[in-house]
Every structure is written in structure tokens, then in C-alpha cells.
């Protein structure tokens, strides 16, 4: 896992919507890629950076919520454009 991922995601507001080209190597990050990063990352700040991405899919929102990382979940809840499902909100509350 490259430590530049958090920097790239922080500077890319639409990364979670469909895809995003990274400036360093023109790779594409899709929602499935973001879910893999969420599941495997040990990079400090990566989850929070992903949670701030505009237009996050419901699947990515669920993956962030399931980490139980309070700073990331807080950023997710503050993200007005994240597509957080009702079930995901229920799991955060309970």
C-alpha cells in the first residue's frame, strides 16, 4: 500500500463516485478499489480521506462504517454527498 494513496484521495473529491485517475500513474480507482483499500489499509489518514470523497457509493459508505474507526465515520457522516444507506446509518447508531 503506497502512502501516497491518502494524499491522492484527499485531493480528489470525486474518487468514490465512479473512478478517479491518480496524477502519479494514471491508475483508476473504482468503488471496488476503495473498498479493498478500506479493508487492507494501514496508512494513517486513508480512511478519513476516503470518507471525505464526494459522491461515495453506498457500498463504500458501508465499508467505512464497518471499520468502526470513529474519525473516519465522523467524516463520513459530515459528507453531505455520501450515499449512506439507512441500514448503514442504523449500524452506526447501534
PDB file of N, CA and C in Angstrom:
ATOM      1  N   UNK A   1       0.852  -1.170   0.000  1.00  0.00           N
ATOM      2  CA  UNK A   1       0.000   0.000   0.000  1.00  0.00           C
ATOM      3  C   UNK A   1       0.896   1.230   0.000  1.00  0.00           C
ATOM      4  N   UNK A   2       0.704   2.080  -0.911  1.00  0.00           N
ATOM      5  CA  UNK A   2       1.521   3.275  -1.068  1.00  0.00           C
ATOM      6  C   UNK A   2       1.007   4.373  -0.148  1.00  0.00           C
ATOM      7  N   UNK A   3       1.900   5.035   0.568  1.00  0.00           N
ATOM      8  CA  UNK A   3       1.479   6.100   1.478  1.00  0.00           C
ATOM      9  C   UNK A   3       0.947   7.314   0.741  1.00  0.00           C
ATOM     10  N   UNK A   4       1.119   7.378  -0.572  1.00  0.00           N
ATOM     11  CA  UNK A   4       0.579   8.482  -1.355  1.00  0.00           C
ATOM     12  C   UNK A   4      -0.927   8.357  -1.584  1.00  0.00           C
ATOM     13  N   UNK A   5      -1.496   7.181  -1.306  1.00  0.00           N
ATOM     14  CA  UNK A   5      -2.933   6.972  -1.535  1.00  0.00           C
ATOM     15  C   UNK A   5      -3.749   7.987  -0.750  1.00  0.00           C
ATOM     16  N   UNK A   6      -3.426   8.181   0.529  1.00  0.00           N
ATOM     17  CA  UNK A   6      -4.197   9.135   1.339  1.00  0.00           C
ATOM     18  C   UNK A   6      -4.110  10.533   0.744  1.00  0.00           C
ATOM     19  N   UNK A   7      -2.930  10.933   0.282  1.00  0.00           N
ATOM     20  CA  UNK A   7      -2.763  12.259  -0.322  1.00  0.00           C
ATOM     21  C   UNK A   7      -3.588  12.362  -1.595  1.00  0.00           C
ATOM     22  N   UNK A   8      -3.540  11.342  -2.416  1.00  0.00           N
ATOM     23  CA  UNK A   8      -4.291  11.350  -3.678  1.00  0.00           C
ATOM     24  C   UNK A   8      -5.781  11.434  -3.404  1.00  0.00           C
ATOM     25  N   UNK A   9      -6.263  10.622  -2.460  1.00  0.00           N
ATOM     26  CA  UNK A   9      -7.691  10.602  -2.166  1.00  0.00           C
ATOM     27  C   UNK A   9      -8.149  11.914  -1.541  1.00  0.00           C
ATOM     28  N   UNK A  10      -7.327  12.496  -0.707  1.00  0.00           N
ATOM     29  CA  UNK A  10      -7.680  13.771  -0.083  1.00  0.00           C
ATOM     30  C   UNK A  10      -7.854  14.865  -1.129  1.00  0.00           C
ATOM     31  N   UNK A  11      -7.062  14.822  -2.170  1.00  0.00           N
ATOM     32  CA  UNK A  11      -7.107  15.858  -3.200  1.00  0.00           C
ATOM     33  C   UNK A  11      -8.008  15.515  -4.373  1.00  0.00           C
ATOM     34  N   UNK A  12      -8.805  14.459  -4.254  1.00  0.00           N
ATOM     35  CA  UNK A  12      -9.661  14.018  -5.343  1.00  0.00           C
ATOM     36  C   UNK A  12     -11.091  13.876  -4.839  1.00  0.00           C
ATOM     37  N   UNK A  13     -11.891  14.932  -4.884  1.00  0.00           N
ATOM     38  CA  UNK A  13     -13.217  14.906  -4.282  1.00  0.00           C
ATOM     39  C   UNK A  13     -14.200  13.919  -4.899  1.00  0.00           C
ATOM     40  N   UNK A  14     -14.024  13.493  -6.118  1.00  0.00           N
ATOM     41  CA  UNK A  14     -14.983  12.590  -6.748  1.00  0.00           C
ATOM     42  C   UNK A  14     -14.476  11.165  -6.874  1.00  0.00           C
ATOM     43  N   UNK A  15     -13.497  10.769  -6.124  1.00  0.00           N
ATOM     44  CA  UNK A  15     -12.885   9.446  -6.273  1.00  0.00           C
ATOM     45  C   UNK A  15     -13.854   8.311  -6.016  1.00  0.00           C
ATOM     46  N   UNK A  16     -14.799   8.476  -5.143  1.00  0.00           N
ATOM     47  CA  UNK A  16     -15.688   7.375  -4.804  1.00  0.00           C
ATOM     48  C   UNK A  16     -16.893   7.233  -5.698  1.00  0.00           C
ATOM     49  N   UNK A  17     -17.147   8.193  -6.540  1.00  0.00           N
ATOM     50  CA  UNK A  17     -18.360   8.160  -7.356  1.00  0.00           C
ATOM     51  C   UNK A  17     -18.280   7.105  -8.439  1.00  0.00           C
ATOM     52  N   UNK A  18     -17.358   7.216  -9.328  1.00  0.00           N
ATOM     53  CA  UNK A  18     -17.190   6.238 -10.390  1.00  0.00           C
ATOM     54  C   UNK A  18     -15.748   5.787 -10.430  1.00  0.00           C
ATOM     55  N   UNK A  19     -14.878   6.698 -10.751  1.00  0.00           N
ATOM     56  CA  UNK A  19     -13.457   6.373 -10.812  1.00  0.00           C
ATOM     57  C   UNK A  19     -12.662   7.660 -10.739  1.00  0.00           C
ATOM     58  N   UNK A  20     -11.389   7.520 -10.515  1.00  0.00           N
ATOM     59  CA  UNK A  20     -10.521   8.690 -10.466  1.00  0.00           C
ATOM     60  C   UNK A  20      -9.158   8.311 -11.018  1.00  0.00           C
ATOM     61  N   UNK A  21      -8.592   9.172 -11.811  1.00  0.00           N
ATOM     62  CA  UNK A  21      -7.228   8.957 -12.282  1.00  0.00           C
ATOM     63  C   UNK A  21      -6.287   9.556 -11.262  1.00  0.00           C
ATOM     64  N   UNK A  22      -5.303   8.805 -10.859  1.00  0.00           N
ATOM     65  CA  UNK A  22      -4.317   9.346  -9.945  1.00  0.00           C
ATOM     66  C   UNK A  22      -3.284  10.109 -10.754  1.00  0.00           C
ATOM     67  N   UNK A  23      -2.811  11.234 -10.254  1.00  0.00           N
ATOM     68  CA  UNK A  23      -1.892  12.053 -11.039  1.00  0.00           C
ATOM     69  C   UNK A  23      -0.541  11.389 -11.270  1.00  0.00           C
ATOM     70  N   UNK A  24      -0.139  10.496 -10.368  1.00  0.00           N
ATOM     71  CA  UNK A  24       1.200   9.932 -10.468  1.00  0.00           C
ATOM     72  C   UNK A  24       1.335   8.840 -11.518  1.00  0.00           C
ATOM     73  N   UNK A  25       0.278   8.047 -11.732  1.00  0.00           N
ATOM     74  CA  UNK A  25       0.471   6.909 -12.630  1.00  0.00           C
ATOM     75  C   UNK A  25      -0.755   6.550 -13.468  1.00  0.00           C
ATOM     76  N   UNK A  26      -1.741   7.416 -13.511  1.00  0.00           N
ATOM     77  CA  UNK A  26      -2.930   7.232 -14.328  1.00  0.00           C
ATOM     78  C   UNK A  26      -3.683   5.942 -14.044  1.00  0.00           C
ATOM     79  N   UNK A  27      -3.579   5.386 -12.847  1.00  0.00           N
ATOM     80  CA  UNK A  27      -4.408   4.242 -12.483  1.00  0.00           C
ATOM     81  C   UNK A  27      -5.796   4.751 -12.135  1.00  0.00           C
ATOM     82  N   UNK A  28      -6.766   3.876 -12.219  1.00  0.00           N
ATOM     83  CA  UNK A  28      -8.146   4.234 -11.936  1.00  0.00           C
ATOM     84  C   UNK A  28      -8.572   3.578 -10.628  1.00  0.00           C
ATOM     85  N   UNK A  29      -9.179   4.365  -9.742  1.00  0.00           N
ATOM     86  CA  UNK A  29      -9.733   3.837  -8.509  1.00  0.00           C
ATOM     87  C   UNK A  29     -11.255   3.802  -8.636  1.00  0.00           C
ATOM     88  N   UNK A  30     -11.825   2.630  -8.543  1.00  0.00           N
ATOM     89  CA  UNK A  30     -13.259   2.447  -8.577  1.00  0.00           C
ATOM     90  C   UNK A  30     -13.753   2.195  -7.154  1.00  0.00           C
ATOM     91  N   UNK A  31     -15.063   2.142  -6.962  1.00  0.00           N
ATOM     92  CA  UNK A  31     -15.612   1.850  -5.645  1.00  0.00           C
ATOM     93  C   UNK A  31     -15.053   0.535  -5.106  1.00  0.00           C
ATOM     94  N   UNK A  32     -14.910  -0.466  -5.964  1.00  0.00           N
ATOM     95  CA  UNK A  32     -14.353  -1.748  -5.522  1.00  0.00           C
ATOM     96  C   UNK A  32     -12.924  -1.580  -5.025  1.00  0.00           C
ATOM     97  N   UNK A  33     -12.151  -0.732  -5.696  1.00  0.00           N
ATOM     98  CA  UNK A  33     -10.783  -0.454  -5.255  1.00  0.00           C
ATOM     99  C   UNK A  33     -10.781   0.233  -3.896  1.00  0.00           C
ATOM    100  N   UNK A  34     -11.680   1.185  -3.733  1.00  0.00           N
ATOM    101  CA  UNK A  34     -11.753   1.895  -2.458  1.00  0.00           C
ATOM    102  C   UNK A  34     -12.118   0.937  -1.332  1.00  0.00           C
ATOM    103  N   UNK A  35     -13.024   0.011  -1.598  1.00  0.00           N
ATOM    104  CA  UNK A  35     -13.392  -0.977  -0.581  1.00  0.00           C
ATOM    105  C   UNK A  35     -12.203  -1.854  -0.216  1.00  0.00           C
ATOM    106  N   UNK A  36     -11.394  -2.224  -1.189  1.00  0.00           N
ATOM    107  CA  UNK A  36     -10.183  -3.003  -0.903  1.00  0.00           C
ATOM    108  C   UNK A  36      -9.205  -2.203  -0.066  1.00  0.00           C
ATOM    109  N   UNK A  37      -9.042  -0.929  -0.392  1.00  0.00           N
ATOM    110  CA  UNK A  37      -8.151  -0.064   0.381  1.00  0.00           C
ATOM    111  C   UNK A  37      -8.651   0.044   1.818  1.00  0.00           C
ATOM    112  N   UNK A  38      -9.952   0.232   1.979  1.00  0.00           N
ATOM    113  CA  UNK A  38     -10.544   0.331   3.317  1.00  0.00           C
ATOM    114  C   UNK A  38     -10.277  -0.936   4.116  1.00  0.00           C
ATOM    115  N   UNK A  39     -10.431  -2.081   3.483  1.00  0.00           N
ATOM    116  CA  UNK A  39     -10.249  -3.359   4.176  1.00  0.00           C
ATOM    117  C   UNK A  39      -8.801  -3.622   4.565  1.00  0.00           C
ATOM    118  N   UNK A  40      -7.863  -3.122   3.777  1.00  0.00           N
ATOM    119  CA  UNK A  40      -6.464  -3.509   3.969  1.00  0.00           C
ATOM    120  C   UNK A  40      -5.537  -2.405   4.443  1.00  0.00           C
ATOM    121  N   UNK A  41      -5.992  -1.179   4.467  1.00  0.00           N
ATOM    122  CA  UNK A  41      -5.064  -0.075   4.707  1.00  0.00           C
ATOM    123  C   UNK A  41      -4.525  -0.033   6.132  1.00  0.00           C
ATOM    124  N   UNK A  42      -3.292   0.334   6.216  1.00  0.00           N
ATOM    125  CA  UNK A  42      -2.657   0.663   7.490  1.00  0.00           C
ATOM    126  C   UNK A  42      -2.095   2.085   7.414  1.00  0.00           C
ATOM    127  N   UNK A  43      -2.425   2.782   6.349  1.00  0.00           N
ATOM    128  CA  UNK A  43      -1.938   4.140   6.126  1.00  0.00           C
ATOM    129  C   UNK A  43      -2.741   5.108   6.990  1.00  0.00           C
ATOM    130  N   UNK A  44      -2.057   5.842   7.824  1.00  0.00           N
ATOM    131  CA  UNK A  44      -2.711   6.823   8.686  1.00  0.00           C
ATOM    132  C   UNK A  44      -3.412   7.867   7.830  1.00  0.00           C
ATOM    133  N   UNK A  45      -4.685   8.089   8.108  1.00  0.00           N
ATOM    134  CA  UNK A  45      -5.453   9.109   7.412  1.00  0.00           C
ATOM    135  C   UNK A  45      -6.161   8.628   6.161  1.00  0.00           C
ATOM    136  N   UNK A  46      -5.902   7.413   5.718  1.00  0.00           N
ATOM    137  CA  UNK A  46      -6.520   6.929   4.474  1.00  0.00           C
ATOM    138  C   UNK A  46      -8.031   6.809   4.596  1.00  0.00           C
ATOM    139  N   UNK A  47      -8.516   6.253   5.707  1.00  0.00           N
ATOM    140  CA  UNK A  47      -9.963   6.086   5.868  1.00  0.00           C
ATOM    141  C   UNK A  47     -10.666   7.434   5.938  1.00  0.00           C
ATOM    142  N   UNK A  48     -10.068   8.380   6.653  1.00  0.00           N
ATOM    143  CA  UNK A  48     -10.656   9.704   6.741  1.00  0.00           C
ATOM    144  C   UNK A  48     -10.666  10.385   5.378  1.00  0.00           C
ATOM    145  N   UNK A  49      -9.600  10.202   4.614  1.00  0.00           N
ATOM    146  CA  UNK A  49      -9.521  10.791   3.275  1.00  0.00           C
ATOM    147  C   UNK A  49     -10.590  10.203   2.368  1.00  0.00           C
ATOM    148  N   UNK A  50     -10.770   8.902   2.431  1.00  0.00           N
ATOM    149  CA  UNK A  50     -11.802   8.256   1.616  1.00  0.00           C
ATOM    150  C   UNK A  50     -13.177   8.746   2.038  1.00  0.00           C
ATOM    151  N   UNK A  51     -13.420   8.867   3.336  1.00  0.00           N
ATOM    152  CA  UNK A  51     -14.729   9.284   3.846  1.00  0.00           C
ATOM    153  C   UNK A  51     -15.117  10.683   3.388  1.00  0.00           C
ATOM    154  N   UNK A  52     -14.139  11.519   3.053  1.00  0.00           N
ATOM    155  CA  UNK A  52     -14.415  12.889   2.606  1.00  0.00           C
ATOM    156  C   UNK A  52     -14.681  12.990   1.110  1.00  0.00           C
ATOM    157  N   UNK A  53     -14.494  11.915   0.375  1.00  0.00           N
ATOM    158  CA  UNK A  53     -14.686  11.957  -1.072  1.00  0.00           C
ATOM    159  C   UNK A  53     -16.144  12.250  -1.403  1.00  0.00           C
ATOM    160  N   UNK A  54     -16.355  13.160  -2.308  1.00  0.00           N
ATOM    161  CA  UNK A  54     -17.699  13.497  -2.767  1.00  0.00           C
ATOM    162  C   UNK A  54     -18.292  12.312  -3.526  1.00  0.00           C
ATOM    163  N   UNK A  55     -19.586  12.114  -3.379  1.00  0.00           N
ATOM    164  CA  UNK A  55     -20.314  11.095  -4.138  1.00  0.00           C
ATOM    165  C   UNK A  55     -19.879   9.666  -3.814  1.00  0.00           C
ATOM    166  N   UNK A  56     -19.620   9.347  -2.553  1.00  0.00           N
ATOM    167  CA  UNK A  56     -19.273   7.981  -2.184  1.00  0.00           C
ATOM    168  C   UNK A  56     -20.466   7.068  -2.388  1.00  0.00           C
ATOM    169  N   UNK A  57     -20.226   5.890  -2.927  1.00  0.00           N
ATOM    170  CA  UNK A  57     -21.304   4.916  -3.138  1.00  0.00           C
ATOM    171  C   UNK A  57     -21.751   4.342  -1.799  1.00  0.00           C
ATOM    172  N   UNK A  58     -22.922   3.762  -1.794  1.00  0.00           N
ATOM    173  CA  UNK A  58     -23.447   3.116  -0.593  1.00  0.00           C
ATOM    174  C   UNK A  58     -22.551   2.005  -0.097  1.00  0.00           C
ATOM    175  N   UNK A  59     -21.964   1.248  -1.019  1.00  0.00           N
ATOM    176  CA  UNK A  59     -21.064   0.159  -0.633  1.00  0.00           C
ATOM    177  C   UNK A  59     -19.814   0.676   0.069  1.00  0.00           C
ATOM    178  N   UNK A  60     -19.251   1.759  -0.438  1.00  0.00           N
ATOM    179  CA  UNK A  60     -18.058   2.338   0.180  1.00  0.00           C
ATOM    180  C   UNK A  60     -18.417   2.918   1.550  1.00  0.00           C
ATOM    181  N   UNK A  61     -19.561   3.574   1.645  1.00  0.00           N
ATOM    182  CA  UNK A  61     -20.010   4.107   2.937  1.00  0.00           C
ATOM    183  C   UNK A  61     -20.158   2.985   3.957  1.00  0.00           C
ATOM    184  N   UNK A  62     -20.747   1.887   3.536  1.00  0.00           N
ATOM    185  CA  UNK A  62     -20.913   0.732   4.430  1.00  0.00           C
ATOM    186  C   UNK A  62     -19.558   0.186   4.873  1.00  0.00           C
ATOM    187  N   UNK A  63     -18.617   0.123   3.953  1.00  0.00           N
ATOM    188  CA  UNK A  63     -17.282  -0.382   4.286  1.00  0.00           C
ATOM    189  C   UNK A  63     -16.593   0.523   5.312  1.00  0.00           C
ATOM    190  N   UNK A  64     -16.731   1.819   5.149  1.00  0.00           N
ATOM    191  CA  UNK A  64     -16.139   2.750   6.120  1.00  0.00           C
ATOM    192  C   UNK A  64     -16.803   2.579   7.474  1.00  0.00           C
ATOM    193  N   UNK A  65     -18.128   2.540   7.492  1.00  0.00           N
ATOM    194  CA  UNK A  65     -18.858   2.398   8.755  1.00  0.00           C
ATOM    195  C   UNK A  65     -18.481   1.108   9.472  1.00  0.00           C
ATOM    196  N   UNK A  66     -18.260   0.046   8.733  1.00  0.00           N
ATOM    197  CA  UNK A  66     -17.953  -1.249   9.351  1.00  0.00           C
ATOM    198  C   UNK A  66     -16.571  -1.292   9.993  1.00  0.00           C
ATOM    199  N   UNK A  67     -15.706  -0.315   9.682  1.00  0.00           N
ATOM    200  CA  UNK A  67     -14.385  -0.278  10.307  1.00  0.00           C
ATOM    201  C   UNK A  67     -14.466   0.156  11.763  1.00  0.00           C
ATOM    202  N   UNK A  68     -15.525   0.860  12.126  1.00  0.00           N
ATOM    203  CA  UNK A  68     -15.709   1.401  13.469  1.00  0.00           C
ATOM    204  C   UNK A  68     -14.619   2.398  13.862  1.00  0.00           C
ATOM    205  N   UNK A  69     -13.941   2.953  12.855  1.00  0.00           N
ATOM    206  CA  UNK A  69     -12.932   3.988  13.100  1.00  0.00           C
ATOM    207  C   UNK A  69     -13.669   5.313  13.274  1.00  0.00           C
ATOM    208  N   UNK A  70     -13.711   5.813  14.496  1.00  0.00           N
ATOM    209  CA  UNK A  70     -14.527   6.986  14.821  1.00  0.00           C
ATOM    210  C   UNK A  70     -14.199   8.200  13.957  1.00  0.00           C
ATOM    211  N   UNK A  71     -12.930   8.565  13.751  1.00  0.00           N
ATOM    212  CA  UNK A  71     -12.665   9.745  12.904  1.00  0.00           C
ATOM    213  C   UNK A  71     -13.173   9.570  11.471  1.00  0.00           C
ATOM    214  N   UNK A  72     -13.028   8.372  10.920  1.00  0.00           N
ATOM    215  CA  UNK A  72     -13.492   8.122   9.549  1.00  0.00           C
ATOM    216  C   UNK A  72     -15.010   8.147   9.471  1.00  0.00           C
ATOM    217  N   UNK A  73     -15.667   7.541  10.441  1.00  0.00           N
ATOM    218  CA  UNK A  73     -17.136   7.533  10.451  1.00  0.00           C
ATOM    219  C   UNK A  73     -17.657   8.957  10.641  1.00  0.00           C
ATOM    220  N   UNK A  74     -16.990   9.739  11.470  1.00  0.00           N
ATOM    221  CA  UNK A  74     -17.400  11.136  11.654  1.00  0.00           C
ATOM    222  C   UNK A  74     -17.282  11.919  10.350  1.00  0.00           C
ATOM    223  N   UNK A  75     -16.179  11.729   9.616  1.00  0.00           N
ATOM    224  CA  UNK A  75     -16.014  12.393   8.311  1.00  0.00           C
ATOM    225  C   UNK A  75     -17.087  11.926   7.339  1.00  0.00           C
ATOM    226  N   UNK A  76     -17.407  10.636   7.381  1.00  0.00           N
ATOM    227  CA  UNK A  76     -18.450  10.090   6.506  1.00  0.00           C
ATOM    228  C   UNK A  76     -19.791  10.756   6.802  1.00  0.00           C
ATOM    229  N   UNK A  77     -20.141  10.855   8.068  1.00  0.00           N
ATOM    230  CA  UNK A  77     -21.416  11.469   8.442  1.00  0.00           C
ATOM    231  C   UNK A  77     -21.472  12.945   8.079  1.00  0.00           C
ATOM    232  N   UNK A  78     -20.328  13.601   8.063  1.00  0.00           N
ATOM    233  CA  UNK A  78     -20.277  15.020   7.695  1.00  0.00           C
ATOM    234  C   UNK A  78     -20.291  15.235   6.184  1.00  0.00           C
ATOM    235  N   UNK A  79     -20.100  14.171   5.424  1.00  0.00           N
ATOM    236  CA  UNK A  79     -20.042  14.251   3.967  1.00  0.00           C
ATOM    237  C   UNK A  79     -21.468  14.322   3.412  1.00  0.00           C
ATOM    238  N   UNK A  80     -21.873  15.502   3.000  1.00  0.00           N
ATOM    239  CA  UNK A  80     -23.249  15.722   2.528  1.00  0.00           C
ATOM    240  C   UNK A  80     -23.587  14.958   1.257  1.00  0.00           C
ATOM    241  N   UNK A  81     -22.593  14.591   0.470  1.00  0.00           N
ATOM    242  CA  UNK A  81     -22.853  13.913  -0.799  1.00  0.00           C
ATOM    243  C   UNK A  81     -22.670  12.401  -0.743  1.00  0.00           C
ATOM    244  N   UNK A  82     -22.275  11.882   0.393  1.00  0.00           N
ATOM    245  CA  UNK A  82     -22.112  10.435   0.524  1.00  0.00           C
ATOM    246  C   UNK A  82     -23.482   9.769   0.478  1.00  0.00           C
ATOM    247  N   UNK A  83     -23.562   8.665  -0.219  1.00  0.00           N
ATOM    248  CA  UNK A  83     -24.825   7.943  -0.381  1.00  0.00           C
ATOM    249  C   UNK A  83     -24.938   6.890   0.729  1.00  0.00           C
ATOM    250  N   UNK A  84     -25.171   7.368   1.943  1.00  0.00           N
ATOM    251  CA  UNK A  84     -25.241   6.481   3.104  1.00  0.00           C
ATOM    252  C   UNK A  84     -26.637   5.860   3.166  1.00  0.00           C
ATOM    253  N   UNK A  85     -26.667   4.532   3.143  1.00  0.00           N
ATOM    254  CA  UNK A  85     -27.942   3.814   3.210  1.00  0.00           C
ATOM    255  C   UNK A  85     -28.510   3.871   4.631  1.00  0.00           C
ATOM    256  N   UNK A  86     -29.819   3.717   4.727  1.00  0.00           N
ATOM    257  CA  UNK A  86     -30.485   3.723   6.022  1.00  0.00           C
ATOM    258  C   UNK A  86     -29.935   2.600   6.907  1.00  0.00           C
ATOM    259  N   UNK A  87     -29.680   1.432   6.326  1.00  0.00           N
ATOM    260  CA  UNK A  87     -29.140   0.306   7.094  1.00  0.00           C
ATOM    261  C   UNK A  87     -27.763   0.641   7.672  1.00  0.00           C
ATOM    262  N   UNK A  88     -26.971   1.366   6.894  1.00  0.00           N
ATOM    263  CA  UNK A  88     -25.634   1.761   7.337  1.00  0.00           C
ATOM    264  C   UNK A  88     -25.756   2.749   8.498  1.00  0.00           C
ATOM    265  N   UNK A  89     -26.666   3.707   8.369  1.00  0.00           N
ATOM    266  CA  UNK A  89     -26.882   4.654   9.465  1.00  0.00           C
ATOM    267  C   UNK A  89     -27.336   3.917  10.736  1.00  0.00           C
ATOM    268  N   UNK A  90     -28.221   2.954  10.568  1.00  0.00           N
ATOM    269  CA  UNK A  90     -28.679   2.170  11.719  1.00  0.00           C
ATOM    270  C   UNK A  90     -27.511   1.446  12.390  1.00  0.00           C
ATOM    271  N   UNK A  91     -26.605   0.899  11.580  1.00  0.00           N
ATOM    272  CA  UNK A  91     -25.464   0.177  12.156  1.00  0.00           C
ATOM    273  C   UNK A  91     -24.504   1.118  12.880  1.00  0.00           C
ATOM    274  N   UNK A  92     -24.423   2.362  12.433  1.00  0.00           N
ATOM    275  CA  UNK A  92     -23.574   3.353  13.105  1.00  0.00           C
ATOM    276  C   UNK A  92     -24.182   3.737  14.454  1.00  0.00           C
ATOM    277  N   UNK A  93     -25.471   3.885  14.476  1.00  0.00           N
ATOM    278  CA  UNK A  93     -26.170   4.334  15.686  1.00  0.00           C
ATOM    279  C   UNK A  93     -26.185   3.250  16.757  1.00  0.00           C
ATOM    280  N   UNK A  94     -26.328   2.004  16.350  1.00  0.00           N
ATOM    281  CA  UNK A  94     -26.452   0.920  17.350  1.00  0.00           C
ATOM    282  C   UNK A  94     -25.141   0.325  17.733  1.00  0.00           C
TER     283      UNK A  94
END
